[in-house]
Amino acid sequence: MARDFHRRGPVVAACRIGFQTGLVRLHNTSDEARKGQIGTLQGAVLGLLALLLGFTFAMAVQRYDNRRDLVVADGFLPSYPANLDHSGNLHFG
């Protein structure tokens, strides 16, 4: 991953410079409508991020529950080779 930094470094630096420039321009402006639009956009992006995280955790919980149910069900299944006698009768215990 570190060996790819020479490819990503300029992109990260450009994003950081653009972000800082935008913050300075936003701070220096007296246009309240623009600041309100930025706040609205920021709220929408954070809302989408929260939705994405919610779906991710919901899928992870569902997979965990399914796996737990399968492990519990597997624990209740008899192991047939150990519990069958020569005539094929099943013995528990």
Protein backbone atom coordinates (compact mmCIF):
# COMPACT_ATOMS: atom_id res chain seq x y z
CA MET A 1 0.00 0.00 0.00
CA ALA A 2 2.84 2.38 0.75
CA ARG A 3 4.36 1.69 -2.65
CA ASP A 4 1.28 3.21 -4.31
CA PHE A 5 1.70 6.53 -2.50
CA HIS A 6 3.59 8.08 -5.40
CA ARG A 7 0.41 7.61 -7.49
CA ARG A 8 -2.04 8.78 -4.85
CA GLY A 9 0.08 11.50 -3.28
CA PRO A 10 -0.59 14.20 -5.88
CA VAL A 11 -4.32 13.47 -5.85
CA VAL A 12 -4.48 13.64 -2.07
CA ALA A 13 -2.46 16.85 -2.06
CA ALA A 14 -4.72 18.43 -4.70
CA CYS A 15 -7.83 17.48 -2.72
CA ARG A 16 -6.35 18.93 0.47
CA ILE A 17 -5.35 22.17 -1.26
CA GLY A 18 -8.81 22.49 -2.82
CA PHE A 19 -10.49 21.83 0.52
CA GLN A 20 -8.38 24.43 2.32
CA THR A 21 -8.96 26.97 -0.46
CA GLY A 22 -12.71 26.39 -0.26
CA LEU A 23 -12.69 26.85 3.51
CA VAL A 24 -10.78 30.12 3.25
CA ARG A 25 -13.11 31.43 0.53
CA LEU A 26 -16.19 30.37 2.49
CA HIS A 27 -14.89 31.99 5.68
CA ASN A 28 -14.04 35.26 3.92
CA THR A 29 -17.38 35.61 2.14
CA SER A 30 -20.30 37.52 3.58
CA ASP A 31 -22.85 35.67 1.43
CA GLU A 32 -25.12 33.93 3.96
CA ALA A 33 -27.11 32.17 1.23
CA ARG A 34 -23.98 30.35 0.06
CA LYS A 35 -23.14 29.32 3.62
CA GLY A 36 -26.67 27.98 3.99
CA GLN A 37 -26.36 25.97 0.79
CA ILE A 38 -23.07 24.48 1.98
CA GLY A 39 -24.73 23.49 5.25
CA THR A 40 -27.60 21.85 3.39
CA LEU A 41 -25.22 19.94 1.16
CA GLN A 42 -23.13 18.87 4.14
CA GLY A 43 -26.25 17.61 5.93
CA ALA A 44 -27.34 15.64 2.88
CA VAL A 45 -23.93 13.99 2.48
CA LEU A 46 -23.78 13.09 6.17
CA GLY A 47 -27.32 11.71 5.96
CA LEU A 48 -26.33 9.46 3.04
CA LEU A 49 -23.25 8.33 4.96
CA ALA A 50 -25.42 7.46 7.97
CA LEU A 51 -27.79 5.52 5.71
CA LEU A 52 -24.88 3.60 4.18
CA LEU A 53 -23.49 2.75 7.61
CA GLY A 54 -26.93 1.67 8.81
CA PHE A 55 -27.40 -0.73 5.90
CA THR A 56 -23.86 -2.06 6.37
CA PHE A 57 -24.41 -2.83 10.04
CA ALA A 58 -27.84 -4.32 9.34
CA MET A 59 -26.36 -6.72 6.79
CA ALA A 60 -23.54 -7.64 9.17
CA VAL A 61 -26.00 -8.37 11.99
CA GLN A 62 -28.14 -10.47 9.66
CA ARG A 63 -25.13 -12.52 8.56
CA TYR A 64 -24.03 -12.97 12.19
CA ASP A 65 -27.52 -14.15 13.20
CA ASN A 66 -27.70 -16.57 10.27
CA ARG A 67 -24.29 -17.99 11.10
CA ARG A 68 -25.15 -18.34 14.79
CA ASP A 69 -28.39 -20.14 13.92
CA LEU A 70 -26.52 -22.54 11.63
CA VAL A 71 -23.91 -23.30 14.31
CA VAL A 72 -26.61 -23.92 16.91
CA ALA A 73 -28.57 -26.13 14.49
CA ASP A 74 -25.39 -28.04 13.67
CA GLY A 75 -24.83 -28.67 17.37
CA PHE A 76 -28.24 -30.36 17.67
CA LEU A 77 -27.71 -32.67 14.70
CA PRO A 78 -26.55 -36.12 15.69
CA SER A 79 -23.29 -37.29 14.25
CA TYR A 80 -24.57 -40.27 12.31
CA PRO A 81 -21.44 -42.41 12.03
CA ALA A 82 -20.93 -42.36 15.80
CA ASN A 83 -24.60 -42.92 16.70
CA LEU A 84 -25.54 -45.72 14.31
CA ASP A 85 -25.15 -49.33 15.30
CA HIS A 86 -24.53 -52.17 12.87
CA SER A 87 -28.21 -52.63 12.13
CA GLY A 88 -28.63 -48.92 11.27
CA ASN A 89 -30.56 -47.94 14.42
CA LEU A 90 -29.92 -44.45 15.77
CA HIS A 91 -28.83 -44.15 19.41
CA PHE A 92 -28.77 -40.89 21.34
CA GLY A 93 -26.55 -40.34 24.32
